[in-house]
């Protein structure tokens, strides 16, 4: 009886081992069938469709365009002080020239400026650059000092030019800069109410200033100092027998100016 019981126990143990060994591969196969490898990532079979949809969305998502600069436009106005000590009043009949001094006192200057501004910390660190076009108007009521005494006059200048600046950004919002501009000028003059006609010349100017970029906006404000050198604004000749030259020789009409500007970057 005991021998039969032992044999039965041994038989049951053997059958149990065989069943266990057979089931393990089946479970492994089932698990493998429920998982797929996608792009090096093991993804459960039930999540495969969601994974594919997410991958397509990533492909279709537009990449943010990285810009190193922007177009801008600014308006400015301020005060200028035109003056010259090398002017002449020339007698057309004799060719003799009398000295002419010009003092513009406080004059108005204003205009528009636009161009392209570059600032990319990844490429240039704190440096910035701009390429600019400028149009300005200068209106001056001046005193003319002549050998005959002092008389009143008016001088209107229209300036067009190109230029550029180099700046250094500080604390993300402040930017001191230096620059240079130059171009052509048309002048209209009058003495004691008599219009003296129009003449053409040229001008150039160094510049120094400070920009402030308003946080979280496209706006900026700036203070700028200019020192214009205006030349060849000569040949005013509608006074009978006399030609007026604002400069002579190597002299210039000097125009220091201080302006404030408000601008918008697109």
C-alpha atoms as a PDB file:
ATOM      1  CA  UNK A   1       0.000   0.000   0.000  1.00  0.00           C
ATOM      2  CA  UNK A   2       2.801   2.379   0.923  1.00  0.00           C
ATOM      3  CA  UNK A   3       4.640   1.611  -2.328  1.00  0.00           C
ATOM      4  CA  UNK A   4       1.532   2.499  -4.366  1.00  0.00           C
ATOM      5  CA  UNK A   5       1.118   5.771  -2.487  1.00  0.00           C
ATOM      6  CA  UNK A   6       4.758   6.705  -3.132  1.00  0.00           C
ATOM      7  CA  UNK A   7       4.461   5.920  -6.815  1.00  0.00           C
ATOM      8  CA  UNK A   8       1.322   8.029  -7.134  1.00  0.00           C
ATOM      9  CA  UNK A   9       2.999  10.953  -5.391  1.00  0.00           C
ATOM     10  CA  UNK A  10       6.024  10.740  -7.669  1.00  0.00           C
ATOM     11  CA  UNK A  11       3.789  10.612 -10.741  1.00  0.00           C
ATOM     12  CA  UNK A  12       1.865  13.723  -9.688  1.00  0.00           C
ATOM     13  CA  UNK A  13       5.109  15.626  -9.029  1.00  0.00           C
ATOM     14  CA  UNK A  14       6.412  14.774 -12.473  1.00  0.00           C
ATOM     15  CA  UNK A  15       3.221  15.894 -14.174  1.00  0.00           C
ATOM     16  CA  UNK A  16       3.321  19.175 -12.215  1.00  0.00           C
ATOM     17  CA  UNK A  17       6.887  19.897 -13.353  1.00  0.00           C
ATOM     18  CA  UNK A  18       5.991  19.230 -16.968  1.00  0.00           C
ATOM     19  CA  UNK A  19       3.009  21.587 -16.800  1.00  0.00           C
ATOM     20  CA  UNK A  20       5.117  24.347 -15.215  1.00  0.00           C
ATOM     21  CA  UNK A  21       7.830  24.050 -17.845  1.00  0.00           C
ATOM     22  CA  UNK A  22       5.222  24.193 -20.606  1.00  0.00           C
ATOM     23  CA  UNK A  23       3.395  27.221 -19.273  1.00  0.00           C
ATOM     24  CA  UNK A  24       6.467  29.473 -18.877  1.00  0.00           C
ATOM     25  CA  UNK A  25       7.213  29.727 -22.619  1.00  0.00           C
ATOM     26  CA  UNK A  26       3.543  30.436 -23.273  1.00  0.00           C
ATOM     27  CA  UNK A  27       3.564  33.379 -20.819  1.00  0.00           C
ATOM     28  CA  UNK A  28       6.804  34.705 -22.263  1.00  0.00           C
ATOM     29  CA  UNK A  29       5.371  34.520 -25.748  1.00  0.00           C
ATOM     30  CA  UNK A  30       2.223  36.331 -24.649  1.00  0.00           C
ATOM     31  CA  UNK A  31       4.248  39.142 -23.067  1.00  0.00           C
ATOM     32  CA  UNK A  32       6.433  39.493 -26.132  1.00  0.00           C
ATOM     33  CA  UNK A  33       3.339  39.634 -28.293  1.00  0.00           C
ATOM     34  CA  UNK A  34       1.961  42.534 -26.262  1.00  0.00           C
ATOM     35  CA  UNK A  35       5.078  44.708 -26.630  1.00  0.00           C
ATOM     36  CA  UNK A  36       6.701  46.222 -29.680  1.00  0.00           C
ATOM     37  CA  UNK A  37       9.920  48.125 -30.007  1.00  0.00           C
ATOM     38  CA  UNK A  38       9.477  51.544 -31.702  1.00  0.00           C
ATOM     39  CA  UNK A  39      12.538  53.713 -32.426  1.00  0.00           C
ATOM     40  CA  UNK A  40      14.490  52.014 -29.651  1.00  0.00           C
ATOM     41  CA  UNK A  41      11.619  52.393 -27.132  1.00  0.00           C
ATOM     42  CA  UNK A  42       9.581  49.391 -25.940  1.00  0.00           C
ATOM     43  CA  UNK A  43       5.905  50.276 -26.301  1.00  0.00           C
ATOM     44  CA  UNK A  44       2.981  48.153 -25.016  1.00  0.00           C
ATOM     45  CA  UNK A  45       0.838  46.823 -27.834  1.00  0.00           C
ATOM     46  CA  UNK A  46      -2.229  48.678 -26.563  1.00  0.00           C
ATOM     47  CA  UNK A  47      -0.367  52.018 -26.652  1.00  0.00           C
ATOM     48  CA  UNK A  48       1.112  51.676 -30.121  1.00  0.00           C
ATOM     49  CA  UNK A  49      -1.538  53.813 -31.852  1.00  0.00           C
ATOM     50  CA  UNK A  50      -1.193  56.604 -29.302  1.00  0.00           C
ATOM     51  CA  UNK A  51       2.584  56.517 -29.700  1.00  0.00           C
ATOM     52  CA  UNK A  52       2.340  56.757 -33.486  1.00  0.00           C
ATOM     53  CA  UNK A  53      -0.088  59.696 -33.223  1.00  0.00           C
ATOM     54  CA  UNK A  54       2.209  61.552 -30.832  1.00  0.00           C
ATOM     55  CA  UNK A  55       5.166  60.953 -33.142  1.00  0.00           C
ATOM     56  CA  UNK A  56       3.265  62.397 -36.110  1.00  0.00           C
ATOM     57  CA  UNK A  57       2.307  65.479 -34.098  1.00  0.00           C
ATOM     58  CA  UNK A  58       5.956  66.047 -33.254  1.00  0.00           C
ATOM     59  CA  UNK A  59       6.837  65.895 -36.946  1.00  0.00           C
ATOM     60  CA  UNK A  60       4.067  68.323 -37.895  1.00  0.00           C
ATOM     61  CA  UNK A  61       4.704  70.838 -35.086  1.00  0.00           C
ATOM     62  CA  UNK A  62       6.174  74.034 -36.634  1.00  0.00           C
ATOM     63  CA  UNK A  63       9.661  74.906 -35.482  1.00  0.00           C
ATOM     64  CA  UNK A  64      10.037  78.356 -33.947  1.00  0.00           C
ATOM     65  CA  UNK A  65      11.940  80.618 -36.329  1.00  0.00           C
ATOM     66  CA  UNK A  66      15.135  82.013 -34.858  1.00  0.00           C
ATOM     67  CA  UNK A  67      15.638  85.654 -35.875  1.00  0.00           C
ATOM     68  CA  UNK A  68      18.826  87.614 -35.385  1.00  0.00           C
ATOM     69  CA  UNK A  69      17.212  91.008 -35.990  1.00  0.00           C
ATOM     70  CA  UNK A  70      14.140  93.026 -36.917  1.00  0.00           C
ATOM     71  CA  UNK A  71      13.021  96.011 -38.985  1.00  0.00           C
ATOM     72  CA  UNK A  72      12.232  99.129 -36.998  1.00  0.00           C
ATOM     73  CA  UNK A  73      10.860 102.659 -37.363  1.00  0.00           C
ATOM     74  CA  UNK A  74      11.392 105.630 -35.038  1.00  0.00           C
ATOM     75  CA  UNK A  75      10.490 109.292 -34.835  1.00  0.00           C
ATOM     76  CA  UNK A  76      12.693 111.875 -33.144  1.00  0.00           C
ATOM     77  CA  UNK A  77      12.783 115.554 -32.213  1.00  0.00           C
ATOM     78  CA  UNK A  78      15.056 117.856 -30.256  1.00  0.00           C
ATOM     79  CA  UNK A  79      17.138 121.013 -30.147  1.00  0.00           C
ATOM     80  CA  UNK A  80      20.066 122.091 -32.346  1.00  0.00           C
ATOM     81  CA  UNK A  81      22.505 125.015 -32.276  1.00  0.00           C
ATOM     82  CA  UNK A  82      23.747 125.850 -35.841  1.00  0.00           C
ATOM     83  CA  UNK A  83      26.752 128.136 -36.064  1.00  0.00           C
ATOM     84  CA  UNK A  84      29.515 129.101 -38.442  1.00  0.00           C
ATOM     85  CA  UNK A  85      32.380 131.572 -38.339  1.00  0.00           C
ATOM     86  CA  UNK A  86      33.505 131.040 -41.938  1.00  0.00           C
ATOM     87  CA  UNK A  87      30.560 132.475 -43.903  1.00  0.00           C
ATOM     88  CA  UNK A  88      30.915 135.123 -46.590  1.00  0.00           C
ATOM     89  CA  UNK A  89      28.944 137.887 -48.273  1.00  0.00           C
ATOM     90  CA  UNK A  90      30.379 138.215 -51.762  1.00  0.00           C
ATOM     91  CA  UNK A  91      29.925 141.333 -53.908  1.00  0.00           C
ATOM     92  CA  UNK A  92      29.045 139.969 -57.319  1.00  0.00           C
ATOM     93  CA  UNK A  93      30.430 143.023 -59.144  1.00  0.00           C
ATOM     94  CA  UNK A  94      33.831 143.223 -57.484  1.00  0.00           C
ATOM     95  CA  UNK A  95      34.255 139.685 -56.130  1.00  0.00           C
ATOM     96  CA  UNK A  96      35.194 141.081 -52.731  1.00  0.00           C
ATOM     97  CA  UNK A  97      34.083 138.965 -49.787  1.00  0.00           C
ATOM     98  CA  UNK A  98      33.080 140.204 -46.351  1.00  0.00           C
ATOM     99  CA  UNK A  99      33.135 137.847 -43.346  1.00  0.00           C
ATOM    100  CA  UNK A 100      29.815 136.472 -42.163  1.00  0.00           C
ATOM    101  CA  UNK A 101      29.163 134.883 -38.784  1.00  0.00           C
ATOM    102  CA  UNK A 102      26.132 132.673 -38.135  1.00  0.00           C
ATOM    103  CA  UNK A 103      24.592 131.939 -34.745  1.00  0.00           C
ATOM    104  CA  UNK A 104      21.465 129.791 -34.773  1.00  0.00           C
ATOM    105  CA  UNK A 105      20.733 129.932 -31.047  1.00  0.00           C
ATOM    106  CA  UNK A 106      18.225 127.200 -30.174  1.00  0.00           C
ATOM    107  CA  UNK A 107      16.693 125.627 -33.283  1.00  0.00           C
ATOM    108  CA  UNK A 108      14.224 122.806 -33.874  1.00  0.00           C
ATOM    109  CA  UNK A 109      15.299 119.473 -35.377  1.00  0.00           C
ATOM    110  CA  UNK A 110      13.031 116.493 -36.008  1.00  0.00           C
ATOM    111  CA  UNK A 111      12.450 113.629 -38.393  1.00  0.00           C
ATOM    112  CA  UNK A 112      12.097 109.908 -39.026  1.00  0.00           C
ATOM    113  CA  UNK A 113      14.596 107.096 -38.876  1.00  0.00           C
ATOM    114  CA  UNK A 114      14.217 103.458 -39.905  1.00  0.00           C
ATOM    115  CA  UNK A 115      16.245 100.422 -40.778  1.00  0.00           C
ATOM    116  CA  UNK A 116      17.287  96.990 -39.574  1.00  0.00           C
ATOM    117  CA  UNK A 117      18.527  96.173 -36.087  1.00  0.00           C
ATOM    118  CA  UNK A 118      20.581  93.060 -35.207  1.00  0.00           C
ATOM    119  CA  UNK A 119      20.963  91.573 -31.730  1.00  0.00           C
ATOM    120  CA  UNK A 120      21.648  87.847 -31.231  1.00  0.00           C
ATOM    121  CA  UNK A 121      23.331  86.823 -27.942  1.00  0.00           C
ATOM    122  CA  UNK A 122      24.090  83.352 -29.345  1.00  0.00           C
ATOM    123  CA  UNK A 123      26.183  84.852 -32.165  1.00  0.00           C
ATOM    124  CA  UNK A 124      27.497  88.184 -30.922  1.00  0.00           C
ATOM    125  CA  UNK A 125      27.036  88.208 -27.157  1.00  0.00           C
ATOM    126  CA  UNK A 126      26.055  91.672 -25.923  1.00  0.00           C
ATOM    127  CA  UNK A 127      26.872  93.453 -29.190  1.00  0.00           C
ATOM    128  CA  UNK A 128      24.212  94.927 -31.470  1.00  0.00           C
ATOM    129  CA  UNK A 129      24.290  96.529 -34.914  1.00  0.00           C
ATOM    130  CA  UNK A 130      21.959  98.665 -37.001  1.00  0.00           C
ATOM    131  CA  UNK A 131      21.797  99.890 -40.592  1.00  0.00           C
ATOM    132  CA  UNK A 132      19.742 103.072 -40.782  1.00  0.00           C
ATOM    133  CA  UNK A 133      18.132 105.555 -43.151  1.00  0.00           C
ATOM    134  CA  UNK A 134      17.392 109.004 -41.760  1.00  0.00           C
ATOM    135  CA  UNK A 135      15.377 112.015 -42.850  1.00  0.00           C
ATOM    136  CA  UNK A 136      15.437 115.218 -40.788  1.00  0.00           C
ATOM    137  CA  UNK A 137      14.317 118.824 -40.856  1.00  0.00           C
ATOM    138  CA  UNK A 138      16.234 121.669 -39.193  1.00  0.00           C
ATOM    139  CA  UNK A 139      14.568 125.048 -38.861  1.00  0.00           C
ATOM    140  CA  UNK A 140      16.678 127.903 -37.503  1.00  0.00           C
ATOM    141  CA  UNK A 141      16.052 131.565 -36.828  1.00  0.00           C
ATOM    142  CA  UNK A 142      19.573 132.960 -36.843  1.00  0.00           C
ATOM    143  CA  UNK A 143      21.523 136.104 -36.246  1.00  0.00           C
ATOM    144  CA  UNK A 144      23.990 137.082 -38.985  1.00  0.00           C
ATOM    145  CA  UNK A 145      27.002 139.112 -37.924  1.00  0.00           C
ATOM    146  CA  UNK A 146      28.251 141.276 -40.820  1.00  0.00           C
ATOM    147  CA  UNK A 147      30.495 144.338 -41.038  1.00  0.00           C
ATOM    148  CA  UNK A 148      27.314 146.402 -41.340  1.00  0.00           C
ATOM    149  CA  UNK A 149      25.899 144.996 -38.101  1.00  0.00           C
ATOM    150  CA  UNK A 150      23.630 142.150 -37.022  1.00  0.00           C
ATOM    151  CA  UNK A 151      20.555 141.161 -39.009  1.00  0.00           C
ATOM    152  CA  UNK A 152      17.945 138.440 -38.638  1.00  0.00           C
ATOM    153  CA  UNK A 153      17.666 135.495 -40.991  1.00  0.00           C
ATOM    154  CA  UNK A 154      16.086 132.092 -41.336  1.00  0.00           C
ATOM    155  CA  UNK A 155      17.664 128.863 -42.525  1.00  0.00           C
ATOM    156  CA  UNK A 156      15.728 125.685 -43.271  1.00  0.00           C
ATOM    157  CA  UNK A 157      17.642 122.481 -43.941  1.00  0.00           C
ATOM    158  CA  UNK A 158      16.285 119.166 -45.191  1.00  0.00           C
ATOM    159  CA  UNK A 159      18.647 116.259 -44.603  1.00  0.00           C
ATOM    160  CA  UNK A 160      18.594 112.743 -46.055  1.00  0.00           C
ATOM    161  CA  UNK A 161      21.220 110.160 -45.235  1.00  0.00           C
ATOM    162  CA  UNK A 162      22.363 106.649 -44.387  1.00  0.00           C
ATOM    163  CA  UNK A 163      24.346 105.340 -41.468  1.00  0.00           C
ATOM    164  CA  UNK A 164      24.705 102.714 -38.793  1.00  0.00           C
ATOM    165  CA  UNK A 165      25.397 102.079 -35.128  1.00  0.00           C
ATOM    166  CA  UNK A 166      27.208  99.604 -32.877  1.00  0.00           C
ATOM    167  CA  UNK A 167      25.778  99.054 -29.390  1.00  0.00           C
ATOM    168  CA  UNK A 168      26.420  97.021 -26.262  1.00  0.00           C
ATOM    169  CA  UNK A 169      23.412  95.575 -24.421  1.00  0.00           C
ATOM    170  CA  UNK A 170      23.460  95.905 -20.618  1.00  0.00           C
ATOM    171  CA  UNK A 171      20.995  94.218 -18.222  1.00  0.00           C
ATOM    172  CA  UNK A 172      18.774  93.124 -21.155  1.00  0.00           C
ATOM    173  CA  UNK A 173      17.149  96.560 -21.587  1.00  0.00           C
ATOM    174  CA  UNK A 174      19.818  99.297 -21.697  1.00  0.00           C
ATOM    175  CA  UNK A 175      22.098  99.810 -24.682  1.00  0.00           C
ATOM    176  CA  UNK A 176      24.690 102.563 -25.098  1.00  0.00           C
ATOM    177  CA  UNK A 177      25.821 102.941 -28.708  1.00  0.00           C
ATOM    178  CA  UNK A 178      27.925 104.937 -31.126  1.00  0.00           C
ATOM    179  CA  UNK A 179      27.241 105.569 -34.797  1.00  0.00           C
ATOM    180  CA  UNK A 180      27.877 107.593 -37.917  1.00  0.00           C
ATOM    181  CA  UNK A 181      25.543 109.134 -40.521  1.00  0.00           C
ATOM    182  CA  UNK A 182      25.971 111.126 -43.713  1.00  0.00           C
ATOM    183  CA  UNK A 183      24.154 112.233 -46.844  1.00  0.00           C
ATOM    184  CA  UNK A 184      22.782 115.165 -48.820  1.00  0.00           C
ATOM    185  CA  UNK A 185      21.143 118.394 -47.684  1.00  0.00           C
ATOM    186  CA  UNK A 186      18.973 121.026 -49.329  1.00  0.00           C
ATOM    187  CA  UNK A 187      18.916 124.477 -47.774  1.00  0.00           C
ATOM    188  CA  UNK A 188      16.573 127.433 -48.063  1.00  0.00           C
ATOM    189  CA  UNK A 189      17.539 130.805 -46.612  1.00  0.00           C
ATOM    190  CA  UNK A 190      16.003 134.211 -46.023  1.00  0.00           C
ATOM    191  CA  UNK A 191      17.381 137.534 -44.775  1.00  0.00           C
ATOM    192  CA  UNK A 192      15.078 140.241 -43.469  1.00  0.00           C
ATOM    193  CA  UNK A 193      12.108 138.506 -45.083  1.00  0.00           C
ATOM    194  CA  UNK A 194      13.734 138.146 -48.530  1.00  0.00           C
ATOM    195  CA  UNK A 195      13.820 134.553 -49.796  1.00  0.00           C
ATOM    196  CA  UNK A 196      17.315 133.700 -51.002  1.00  0.00           C
ATOM    197  CA  UNK A 197      16.511 130.495 -52.908  1.00  0.00           C
ATOM    198  CA  UNK A 198      17.572 126.883 -52.505  1.00  0.00           C
ATOM    199  CA  UNK A 199      21.020 125.306 -52.590  1.00  0.00           C
ATOM    200  CA  UNK A 200      22.382 121.774 -52.229  1.00  0.00           C
ATOM    201  CA  UNK A 201      25.187 120.508 -50.028  1.00  0.00           C
ATOM    202  CA  UNK A 202      26.266 117.528 -47.968  1.00  0.00           C
ATOM    203  CA  UNK A 203      26.517 116.599 -44.299  1.00  0.00           C
ATOM    204  CA  UNK A 204      27.912 113.985 -41.949  1.00  0.00           C
ATOM    205  CA  UNK A 205      27.725 113.403 -38.225  1.00  0.00           C
ATOM    206  CA  UNK A 206      29.054 111.134 -35.496  1.00  0.00           C
ATOM    207  CA  UNK A 207      26.441 110.002 -32.979  1.00  0.00           C
ATOM    208  CA  UNK A 208      26.359 108.711 -29.413  1.00  0.00           C
ATOM    209  CA  UNK A 209      23.271 107.586 -27.554  1.00  0.00           C
ATOM    210  CA  UNK A 210      21.455 105.283 -25.165  1.00  0.00           C
ATOM    211  CA  UNK A 211      18.528 103.004 -26.040  1.00  0.00           C
ATOM    212  CA  UNK A 212      16.061 101.544 -23.558  1.00  0.00           C
ATOM    213  CA  UNK A 213      14.003  98.533 -24.681  1.00  0.00           C
ATOM    214  CA  UNK A 214      10.675  98.346 -22.852  1.00  0.00           C
ATOM    215  CA  UNK A 215      10.352  94.786 -21.429  1.00  0.00           C
ATOM    216  CA  UNK A 216       7.824  92.424 -23.041  1.00  0.00           C
ATOM    217  CA  UNK A 217       7.019  94.819 -25.879  1.00  0.00           C
ATOM    218  CA  UNK A 218       8.247  95.932 -29.302  1.00  0.00           C
ATOM    219  CA  UNK A 219       8.810  99.543 -28.187  1.00  0.00           C
ATOM    220  CA  UNK A 220      11.998 101.371 -27.328  1.00  0.00           C
ATOM    221  CA  UNK A 221      13.048 104.921 -26.472  1.00  0.00           C
ATOM    222  CA  UNK A 222      16.417 106.562 -27.046  1.00  0.00           C
ATOM    223  CA  UNK A 223      18.433 109.670 -26.292  1.00  0.00           C
ATOM    224  CA  UNK A 224      20.977 110.684 -28.925  1.00  0.00           C
ATOM    225  CA  UNK A 225      23.597 113.359 -29.348  1.00  0.00           C
ATOM    226  CA  UNK A 226      24.710 114.450 -32.833  1.00  0.00           C
ATOM    227  CA  UNK A 227      27.329 116.841 -34.144  1.00  0.00           C
ATOM    228  CA  UNK A 228      26.511 117.655 -37.757  1.00  0.00           C
ATOM    229  CA  UNK A 229      29.073 119.046 -40.168  1.00  0.00           C
ATOM    230  CA  UNK A 230      27.191 120.750 -43.028  1.00  0.00           C
ATOM    231  CA  UNK A 231      29.115 122.006 -46.045  1.00  0.00           C
ATOM    232  CA  UNK A 232      28.628 123.529 -49.476  1.00  0.00           C
ATOM    233  CA  UNK A 233      25.329 125.186 -48.520  1.00  0.00           C
ATOM    234  CA  UNK A 234      26.500 128.195 -50.518  1.00  0.00           C
ATOM    235  CA  UNK A 235      25.290 130.425 -53.325  1.00  0.00           C
ATOM    236  CA  UNK A 236      22.233 132.143 -51.886  1.00  0.00           C
ATOM    237  CA  UNK A 237      21.974 134.969 -54.415  1.00  0.00           C
ATOM    238  CA  UNK A 238      18.549 136.604 -54.503  1.00  0.00           C
ATOM    239  CA  UNK A 239      19.766 139.732 -52.782  1.00  0.00           C
ATOM    240  CA  UNK A 240      20.713 142.170 -55.559  1.00  0.00           C
ATOM    241  CA  UNK A 241      24.416 142.098 -56.232  1.00  0.00           C
ATOM    242  CA  UNK A 242      25.319 139.825 -53.296  1.00  0.00           C
ATOM    243  CA  UNK A 243      25.896 136.101 -52.854  1.00  0.00           C
ATOM    244  CA  UNK A 244      25.670 134.543 -49.398  1.00  0.00           C
ATOM    245  CA  UNK A 245      27.834 131.560 -48.490  1.00  0.00           C
ATOM    246  CA  UNK A 246      27.366 129.856 -45.129  1.00  0.00           C
ATOM    247  CA  UNK A 247      30.899 128.428 -45.293  1.00  0.00           C
ATOM    248  CA  UNK A 248      34.142 129.064 -47.095  1.00  0.00           C
ATOM    249  CA  UNK A 249      37.448 127.272 -47.472  1.00  0.00           C
ATOM    250  CA  UNK A 250      37.649 124.319 -45.097  1.00  0.00           C
ATOM    251  CA  UNK A 251      34.943 125.657 -42.784  1.00  0.00           C
ATOM    252  CA  UNK A 252      31.623 124.019 -41.970  1.00  0.00           C
ATOM    253  CA  UNK A 253      28.254 124.956 -40.621  1.00  0.00           C
ATOM    254  CA  UNK A 254      28.461 123.203 -37.257  1.00  0.00           C
ATOM    255  CA  UNK A 255      25.221 121.849 -35.777  1.00  0.00           C
ATOM    256  CA  UNK A 256      25.410 120.173 -32.367  1.00  0.00           C
ATOM    257  CA  UNK A 257      22.038 118.601 -31.545  1.00  0.00           C
ATOM    258  CA  UNK A 258      20.306 116.578 -28.831  1.00  0.00           C
ATOM    259  CA  UNK A 259      17.237 114.486 -29.692  1.00  0.00           C
ATOM    260  CA  UNK A 260      14.777 112.062 -28.109  1.00  0.00           C
ATOM    261  CA  UNK A 261      13.262 109.241 -30.151  1.00  0.00           C
ATOM    262  CA  UNK A 262      10.515 106.647 -29.788  1.00  0.00           C
ATOM    263  CA  UNK A 263      10.653 103.532 -31.956  1.00  0.00           C
ATOM    264  CA  UNK A 264       8.910 100.252 -32.731  1.00  0.00           C
ATOM    265  CA  UNK A 265      10.570  97.004 -33.865  1.00  0.00           C
ATOM    266  CA  UNK A 266       8.447  94.798 -36.140  1.00  0.00           C
END
